[in-house]
């Protein structure tokens, strides 16, 4: 087999037939979660002083938890796919309900939401490394006996 084609061809003996491209792409995103999100979220939680705004605290706790769980995704990328689906879901919803109206009104650039929108704009790349056929078979269809 051509060396360049190998990452795009599934091997049924490994990773339940999911292409290596997807496995390594998932691992890359799990690693990026750990490196980029965990320090900021955990730092904000650990350095916080004074009373909490409950809604802000929930957001920080979620942002601290999901990249911590990404550690398991590095080891077992397919088992932790629901974490990726969750990530794609909340980022897509935020882009649709928060960023889009601001962008449409011409007020996104330079706003507090602008930096987050830029980071979340990479969600299509994340969606491209998810093996959606596998997600459908393993998490949506009824269990096989």
N, C-alpha and C. Protein backbone atom coordinates (compact mmCIF):
# COMPACT_ATOMS: atom_id res chain seq x y z
N UNK A 1 0.84 -1.18 0.00
CA UNK A 1 0.00 0.00 0.00
C UNK A 1 0.88 1.24 0.00
N UNK A 2 0.46 2.23 -0.72
CA UNK A 2 1.16 3.50 -0.80
C UNK A 2 1.23 4.14 0.59
N UNK A 3 2.41 4.60 0.97
CA UNK A 3 2.62 5.20 2.30
C UNK A 3 1.72 6.42 2.50
N UNK A 4 1.52 7.20 1.46
CA UNK A 4 0.68 8.40 1.59
C UNK A 4 -0.79 8.06 1.78
N UNK A 5 -1.22 6.90 1.28
CA UNK A 5 -2.63 6.51 1.39
C UNK A 5 -2.94 5.84 2.72
N UNK A 6 -1.92 5.34 3.41
CA UNK A 6 -2.13 4.57 4.64
C UNK A 6 -2.99 5.27 5.70
N UNK A 7 -2.79 6.57 5.96
CA UNK A 7 -3.62 7.22 7.00
C UNK A 7 -5.11 7.32 6.66
N UNK A 8 -5.45 7.10 5.39
CA UNK A 8 -6.83 7.28 4.96
C UNK A 8 -7.56 5.96 4.70
N UNK A 9 -6.88 4.84 4.94
CA UNK A 9 -7.46 3.53 4.71
C UNK A 9 -7.67 2.85 6.05
N UNK A 10 -8.89 2.37 6.27
CA UNK A 10 -9.18 1.74 7.55
C UNK A 10 -8.58 0.34 7.61
N UNK A 11 -8.22 -0.06 8.80
CA UNK A 11 -7.72 -1.40 9.07
C UNK A 11 -8.69 -2.02 10.06
N UNK A 12 -9.50 -2.99 9.62
CA UNK A 12 -10.54 -3.54 10.50
C UNK A 12 -9.98 -4.17 11.78
N UNK A 13 -8.70 -4.53 11.77
CA UNK A 13 -8.12 -5.16 12.96
C UNK A 13 -7.80 -4.13 14.04
N UNK A 14 -7.68 -2.87 13.65
CA UNK A 14 -7.32 -1.81 14.61
C UNK A 14 -8.41 -0.76 14.64
N UNK A 15 -8.74 -0.32 15.77
CA UNK A 15 -9.68 0.79 15.97
C UNK A 15 -11.01 0.57 15.25
N UNK A 16 -11.47 -0.66 15.25
CA UNK A 16 -12.79 -1.01 14.74
C UNK A 16 -13.05 -0.49 13.33
N UNK A 17 -12.01 -0.51 12.50
CA UNK A 17 -12.15 -0.10 11.11
C UNK A 17 -12.11 1.39 10.86
N UNK A 18 -11.88 2.20 11.89
CA UNK A 18 -11.81 3.65 11.73
C UNK A 18 -10.43 4.01 11.17
N UNK A 19 -10.40 4.92 10.23
CA UNK A 19 -9.15 5.30 9.57
C UNK A 19 -8.16 5.91 10.56
N UNK A 20 -6.86 5.64 10.36
CA UNK A 20 -5.84 6.25 11.22
C UNK A 20 -5.90 7.77 11.23
N UNK A 21 -6.29 8.39 10.11
CA UNK A 21 -6.45 9.84 10.03
C UNK A 21 -7.39 10.33 11.13
N UNK A 22 -8.50 9.61 11.31
CA UNK A 22 -9.46 10.00 12.34
C UNK A 22 -8.90 9.78 13.75
N UNK A 23 -8.25 8.65 13.94
CA UNK A 23 -7.69 8.34 15.27
C UNK A 23 -6.66 9.39 15.67
N UNK A 24 -5.73 9.71 14.77
CA UNK A 24 -4.69 10.68 15.11
C UNK A 24 -5.24 12.10 15.17
N UNK A 25 -6.24 12.39 14.35
CA UNK A 25 -6.90 13.70 14.43
C UNK A 25 -7.61 13.88 15.76
N UNK A 26 -8.29 12.83 16.21
CA UNK A 26 -8.95 12.89 17.52
C UNK A 26 -7.92 13.08 18.63
N UNK A 27 -6.84 12.32 18.56
CA UNK A 27 -5.80 12.46 19.58
C UNK A 27 -5.22 13.87 19.59
N UNK A 28 -5.05 14.45 18.42
CA UNK A 28 -4.55 15.82 18.35
C UNK A 28 -5.51 16.78 19.06
N UNK A 29 -6.80 16.64 18.81
CA UNK A 29 -7.77 17.54 19.44
C UNK A 29 -7.89 17.28 20.95
N UNK A 30 -7.78 16.03 21.37
CA UNK A 30 -7.77 15.77 22.82
C UNK A 30 -6.56 16.46 23.44
N UNK A 31 -5.42 16.37 22.78
CA UNK A 31 -4.21 17.03 23.28
C UNK A 31 -4.37 18.55 23.32
N UNK A 32 -4.95 19.11 22.26
CA UNK A 32 -5.17 20.56 22.23
C UNK A 32 -6.10 21.01 23.36
N UNK A 33 -7.10 20.20 23.67
CA UNK A 33 -7.99 20.51 24.80
C UNK A 33 -7.17 20.59 26.09
N UNK A 34 -6.32 19.60 26.29
CA UNK A 34 -5.51 19.57 27.50
C UNK A 34 -4.57 20.76 27.58
N UNK A 35 -3.91 21.07 26.49
CA UNK A 35 -2.88 22.10 26.49
C UNK A 35 -3.46 23.51 26.49
N UNK A 36 -4.56 23.71 25.78
CA UNK A 36 -5.05 25.08 25.61
C UNK A 36 -6.20 25.44 26.55
N UNK A 37 -7.05 24.51 26.87
CA UNK A 37 -8.23 24.84 27.66
C UNK A 37 -8.02 24.57 29.15
N UNK A 38 -7.44 23.44 29.48
CA UNK A 38 -7.30 23.07 30.89
C UNK A 38 -6.54 24.11 31.71
N UNK A 39 -5.38 24.60 31.28
CA UNK A 39 -4.66 25.57 32.13
C UNK A 39 -5.47 26.84 32.40
N UNK A 40 -6.14 27.36 31.39
CA UNK A 40 -6.92 28.59 31.59
C UNK A 40 -8.10 28.34 32.52
N UNK A 41 -8.83 27.25 32.30
CA UNK A 41 -10.01 26.97 33.12
C UNK A 41 -9.62 26.65 34.56
N UNK A 42 -8.64 25.77 34.73
CA UNK A 42 -8.22 25.42 36.08
C UNK A 42 -7.58 26.61 36.78
N UNK A 43 -6.83 27.40 36.04
CA UNK A 43 -6.23 28.60 36.62
C UNK A 43 -7.29 29.56 37.13
N UNK A 44 -8.34 29.76 36.34
CA UNK A 44 -9.43 30.66 36.75
C UNK A 44 -10.15 30.12 37.99
N UNK A 45 -10.33 28.81 38.06
CA UNK A 45 -10.98 28.23 39.24
C UNK A 45 -10.10 28.37 40.48
N UNK A 46 -8.83 28.08 40.33
CA UNK A 46 -7.93 28.07 41.48
C UNK A 46 -7.55 29.47 41.97
N UNK A 47 -7.55 30.44 41.08
CA UNK A 47 -7.18 31.81 41.46
C UNK A 47 -8.37 32.67 41.88
N UNK A 48 -9.57 32.17 41.70
CA UNK A 48 -10.77 32.97 41.99
C UNK A 48 -10.84 33.37 43.45
N UNK A 49 -11.24 34.60 43.68
CA UNK A 49 -11.45 35.09 45.05
C UNK A 49 -12.81 35.78 45.10
N UNK A 50 -13.41 35.72 46.25
CA UNK A 50 -14.70 36.38 46.43
C UNK A 50 -15.85 35.48 46.04
N UNK A 51 -17.05 36.04 46.09
CA UNK A 51 -18.24 35.24 45.75
C UNK A 51 -18.28 34.90 44.26
N UNK A 52 -18.89 33.78 43.97
CA UNK A 52 -19.01 33.32 42.60
C UNK A 52 -20.32 33.79 41.99
N UNK A 53 -20.27 34.12 40.70
CA UNK A 53 -21.49 34.21 39.91
C UNK A 53 -21.79 32.76 39.53
N UNK A 54 -22.92 32.20 39.97
CA UNK A 54 -23.17 30.77 39.75
C UNK A 54 -23.10 30.33 38.28
N UNK A 55 -23.62 31.14 37.37
CA UNK A 55 -23.60 30.75 35.96
C UNK A 55 -22.17 30.74 35.43
N UNK A 56 -21.41 31.73 35.77
CA UNK A 56 -20.00 31.77 35.35
C UNK A 56 -19.23 30.60 35.95
N UNK A 57 -19.53 30.27 37.20
CA UNK A 57 -18.86 29.15 37.86
C UNK A 57 -19.17 27.82 37.17
N UNK A 58 -20.43 27.65 36.76
CA UNK A 58 -20.79 26.42 36.03
C UNK A 58 -19.98 26.33 34.74
N UNK A 59 -19.91 27.43 34.00
CA UNK A 59 -19.15 27.43 32.74
C UNK A 59 -17.69 27.07 32.99
N UNK A 60 -17.08 27.65 34.01
CA UNK A 60 -15.68 27.34 34.31
C UNK A 60 -15.50 25.88 34.73
N UNK A 61 -16.43 25.37 35.50
CA UNK A 61 -16.34 23.97 35.92
C UNK A 61 -16.47 23.01 34.74
N UNK A 62 -17.36 23.32 33.81
CA UNK A 62 -17.48 22.49 32.60
C UNK A 62 -16.19 22.60 31.79
N UNK A 63 -15.69 23.81 31.64
CA UNK A 63 -14.45 24.01 30.87
C UNK A 63 -13.25 23.37 31.55
N UNK A 64 -13.28 23.19 32.83
CA UNK A 64 -12.19 22.51 33.53
C UNK A 64 -12.33 20.99 33.43
N UNK A 65 -13.56 20.52 33.40
CA UNK A 65 -13.80 19.08 33.40
C UNK A 65 -13.55 18.44 32.04
N UNK A 66 -14.08 19.03 30.97
CA UNK A 66 -13.98 18.31 29.70
C UNK A 66 -12.54 18.18 29.20
N UNK A 67 -11.65 19.15 29.36
CA UNK A 67 -10.28 18.87 28.92
C UNK A 67 -9.56 17.89 29.85
N UNK A 68 -9.96 17.85 31.13
CA UNK A 68 -9.37 16.84 32.02
C UNK A 68 -9.76 15.44 31.53
N UNK A 69 -10.99 15.29 31.06
CA UNK A 69 -11.43 14.02 30.51
C UNK A 69 -10.74 13.69 29.19
N UNK A 70 -10.25 14.71 28.50
CA UNK A 70 -9.55 14.50 27.24
C UNK A 70 -8.30 13.64 27.43
N UNK A 71 -7.76 13.60 28.62
CA UNK A 71 -6.62 12.74 28.90
C UNK A 71 -6.97 11.29 28.56
N UNK A 72 -8.19 10.87 28.92
CA UNK A 72 -8.63 9.51 28.59
C UNK A 72 -8.80 9.35 27.09
N UNK A 73 -9.22 10.42 26.42
CA UNK A 73 -9.38 10.38 24.97
C UNK A 73 -8.06 10.15 24.24
N UNK A 74 -6.98 10.64 24.80
CA UNK A 74 -5.67 10.37 24.20
C UNK A 74 -5.38 8.88 24.18
N UNK A 75 -5.80 8.19 25.22
CA UNK A 75 -5.54 6.76 25.33
C UNK A 75 -6.55 5.92 24.57
N UNK A 76 -7.83 6.32 24.62
CA UNK A 76 -8.91 5.56 23.98
C UNK A 76 -9.76 6.51 23.15
N UNK A 77 -9.29 6.94 22.00
CA UNK A 77 -9.97 7.99 21.24
C UNK A 77 -11.42 7.67 20.85
N UNK A 78 -11.72 6.44 20.53
CA UNK A 78 -13.08 6.12 20.10
C UNK A 78 -14.04 6.02 21.28
N UNK A 79 -13.59 5.54 22.41
CA UNK A 79 -14.46 5.44 23.58
C UNK A 79 -14.88 6.80 24.09
N UNK A 80 -14.06 7.82 23.86
CA UNK A 80 -14.34 9.15 24.37
C UNK A 80 -14.91 10.09 23.32
N UNK A 81 -15.39 9.52 22.22
CA UNK A 81 -16.01 10.34 21.17
C UNK A 81 -17.19 11.18 21.66
N UNK A 82 -18.01 10.74 22.62
CA UNK A 82 -19.07 11.62 23.10
C UNK A 82 -18.54 12.96 23.61
N UNK A 83 -17.33 12.98 24.11
CA UNK A 83 -16.72 14.24 24.53
C UNK A 83 -16.52 15.17 23.33
N UNK A 84 -16.12 14.62 22.20
CA UNK A 84 -15.96 15.43 20.99
C UNK A 84 -17.30 15.92 20.47
N UNK A 85 -18.30 15.05 20.52
CA UNK A 85 -19.64 15.44 20.07
C UNK A 85 -20.17 16.56 20.96
N UNK A 86 -19.95 16.45 22.26
CA UNK A 86 -20.34 17.52 23.19
C UNK A 86 -19.63 18.82 22.83
N UNK A 87 -18.33 18.74 22.58
CA UNK A 87 -17.54 19.93 22.25
C UNK A 87 -18.04 20.58 20.96
N UNK A 88 -18.26 19.78 19.95
CA UNK A 88 -18.79 20.30 18.69
C UNK A 88 -20.16 20.93 18.92
N UNK A 89 -20.99 20.28 19.73
CA UNK A 89 -22.33 20.78 19.99
C UNK A 89 -22.35 22.13 20.68
N UNK A 90 -21.61 22.26 21.78
CA UNK A 90 -21.69 23.53 22.50
C UNK A 90 -21.03 24.66 21.73
N UNK A 91 -19.96 24.36 20.99
CA UNK A 91 -19.31 25.42 20.21
C UNK A 91 -20.20 25.86 19.05
N UNK A 92 -20.86 24.92 18.42
CA UNK A 92 -21.75 25.26 17.31
C UNK A 92 -22.94 26.08 17.82
N UNK A 93 -23.51 25.67 18.94
CA UNK A 93 -24.62 26.44 19.51
C UNK A 93 -24.19 27.85 19.88
N UNK A 94 -23.01 27.98 20.49
CA UNK A 94 -22.52 29.30 20.87
C UNK A 94 -22.30 30.17 19.64
N UNK A 95 -21.72 29.59 18.60
CA UNK A 95 -21.52 30.36 17.37
C UNK A 95 -22.86 30.81 16.78
N UNK A 96 -23.85 29.92 16.81
CA UNK A 96 -25.16 30.24 16.21
C UNK A 96 -25.94 31.27 17.03
N UNK A 97 -25.91 31.15 18.35
CA UNK A 97 -26.76 31.99 19.19
C UNK A 97 -26.08 33.22 19.76
N UNK A 98 -24.75 33.21 19.83
CA UNK A 98 -24.04 34.36 20.39
C UNK A 98 -23.25 35.09 19.30
N UNK A 99 -22.38 34.37 18.61
CA UNK A 99 -21.49 35.03 17.64
C UNK A 99 -22.22 35.51 16.39
N UNK A 100 -23.09 34.67 15.84
CA UNK A 100 -23.76 35.04 14.59
C UNK A 100 -24.55 36.34 14.71
N UNK A 101 -25.39 36.51 15.73
CA UNK A 101 -26.11 37.80 15.83
C UNK A 101 -25.17 39.00 15.96
N UNK A 102 -24.08 38.83 16.72
CA UNK A 102 -23.12 39.93 16.85
C UNK A 102 -22.45 40.22 15.51
N UNK A 103 -22.06 39.16 14.80
CA UNK A 103 -21.42 39.33 13.49
C UNK A 103 -22.40 39.98 12.52
N UNK A 104 -23.63 39.51 12.53
CA UNK A 104 -24.66 40.03 11.63
C UNK A 104 -24.93 41.52 11.89
N UNK A 105 -24.81 41.92 13.15
CA UNK A 105 -25.02 43.33 13.52
C UNK A 105 -23.76 44.17 13.33
N UNK A 106 -22.65 43.50 12.96
CA UNK A 106 -21.39 44.22 12.77
C UNK A 106 -20.68 44.58 14.06
N UNK A 107 -21.01 43.89 15.16
CA UNK A 107 -20.42 44.24 16.45
C UNK A 107 -19.56 43.13 17.06
N UNK A 108 -19.31 42.06 16.32
CA UNK A 108 -18.51 40.95 16.86
C UNK A 108 -17.04 41.33 16.99
N UNK A 109 -16.47 41.91 15.93
CA UNK A 109 -15.05 42.30 15.96
C UNK A 109 -14.83 43.32 17.06
N UNK A 110 -13.84 43.04 17.89
CA UNK A 110 -13.53 43.95 18.98
C UNK A 110 -14.37 43.77 20.23
N UNK A 111 -15.37 42.90 20.18
CA UNK A 111 -16.20 42.65 21.37
C UNK A 111 -15.54 41.58 22.23
N UNK A 112 -16.07 41.40 23.44
CA UNK A 112 -15.57 40.34 24.32
C UNK A 112 -15.75 38.97 23.68
N UNK A 113 -16.76 38.82 22.85
CA UNK A 113 -17.05 37.53 22.22
C UNK A 113 -16.16 37.26 21.00
N UNK A 114 -15.49 38.27 20.49
CA UNK A 114 -14.70 38.11 19.27
C UNK A 114 -13.60 37.07 19.38
N UNK A 115 -12.87 37.09 20.48
CA UNK A 115 -11.77 36.12 20.65
C UNK A 115 -12.30 34.69 20.75
N UNK A 116 -13.39 34.52 21.48
CA UNK A 116 -14.00 33.20 21.61
C UNK A 116 -14.52 32.73 20.26
N UNK A 117 -15.14 33.62 19.52
CA UNK A 117 -15.66 33.27 18.20
C UNK A 117 -14.53 32.81 17.29
N UNK A 118 -13.39 33.47 17.36
CA UNK A 118 -12.25 33.06 16.55
C UNK A 118 -11.81 31.64 16.92
N UNK A 119 -11.70 31.36 18.21
CA UNK A 119 -11.29 30.02 18.65
C UNK A 119 -12.33 28.97 18.26
N UNK A 120 -13.60 29.30 18.39
CA UNK A 120 -14.65 28.34 18.08
C UNK A 120 -14.85 28.17 16.57
N UNK A 121 -14.36 29.08 15.78
CA UNK A 121 -14.54 29.00 14.32
C UNK A 121 -13.83 27.79 13.72
N UNK A 122 -12.96 27.15 14.50
CA UNK A 122 -12.26 25.97 14.01
C UNK A 122 -13.06 24.69 14.23
N UNK A 123 -14.30 24.79 14.67
CA UNK A 123 -15.13 23.62 14.93
C UNK A 123 -15.33 22.76 13.67
N UNK A 124 -15.38 23.30 12.45
CA UNK A 124 -15.48 22.41 11.29
C UNK A 124 -14.26 21.48 11.13
N UNK A 125 -13.09 21.95 11.54
CA UNK A 125 -11.90 21.09 11.47
C UNK A 125 -12.05 19.94 12.46
N UNK A 126 -12.54 20.25 13.65
CA UNK A 126 -12.79 19.21 14.64
C UNK A 126 -13.82 18.22 14.10
N UNK A 127 -14.89 18.73 13.52
CA UNK A 127 -15.94 17.86 12.97
C UNK A 127 -15.39 16.96 11.86
N UNK A 128 -14.38 17.43 11.14
CA UNK A 128 -13.80 16.64 10.05
C UNK A 128 -13.02 15.43 10.54
N UNK A 129 -12.51 15.46 11.76
CA UNK A 129 -11.75 14.31 12.25
C UNK A 129 -12.62 13.31 13.01
N UNK A 130 -13.87 13.64 13.23
CA UNK A 130 -14.78 12.70 13.90
C UNK A 130 -15.26 11.68 12.87
N UNK A 131 -15.12 10.40 13.17
CA UNK A 131 -15.64 9.37 12.25
C UNK A 131 -17.16 9.22 12.46
N UNK A 132 -17.93 10.01 11.72
CA UNK A 132 -19.37 10.10 11.96
C UNK A 132 -20.09 8.78 11.71
N UNK A 133 -19.61 7.97 10.78
CA UNK A 133 -20.22 6.65 10.58
C UNK A 133 -20.09 5.79 11.83
N UNK A 134 -18.94 5.85 12.46
CA UNK A 134 -18.72 5.11 13.70
C UNK A 134 -19.62 5.66 14.81
N UNK A 135 -19.72 6.98 14.91
CA UNK A 135 -20.60 7.59 15.91
C UNK A 135 -22.03 7.10 15.71
N UNK A 136 -22.46 7.08 14.48
CA UNK A 136 -23.82 6.65 14.17
C UNK A 136 -24.03 5.19 14.58
N UNK A 137 -23.08 4.31 14.18
CA UNK A 137 -23.20 2.88 14.48
C UNK A 137 -23.14 2.59 15.99
N UNK A 138 -22.24 3.24 16.67
CA UNK A 138 -21.97 2.88 18.07
C UNK A 138 -22.81 3.65 19.10
N UNK A 139 -23.24 4.86 18.76
CA UNK A 139 -23.91 5.68 19.75
C UNK A 139 -25.36 6.02 19.42
N UNK A 140 -25.77 5.83 18.17
CA UNK A 140 -27.13 6.21 17.78
C UNK A 140 -27.99 4.98 17.50
N UNK A 141 -27.51 4.06 16.69
CA UNK A 141 -28.30 2.88 16.34
C UNK A 141 -28.50 2.00 17.57
N UNK A 142 -29.59 1.22 17.58
CA UNK A 142 -29.81 0.31 18.71
C UNK A 142 -28.65 -0.68 18.85
N UNK A 143 -28.40 -1.10 20.07
CA UNK A 143 -27.31 -2.04 20.34
C UNK A 143 -27.58 -3.37 19.65
N UNK A 144 -26.51 -3.96 19.14
CA UNK A 144 -26.62 -5.29 18.51
C UNK A 144 -26.40 -6.35 19.58
N UNK A 145 -27.15 -7.43 19.45
CA UNK A 145 -27.01 -8.52 20.45
C UNK A 145 -26.07 -9.57 19.95
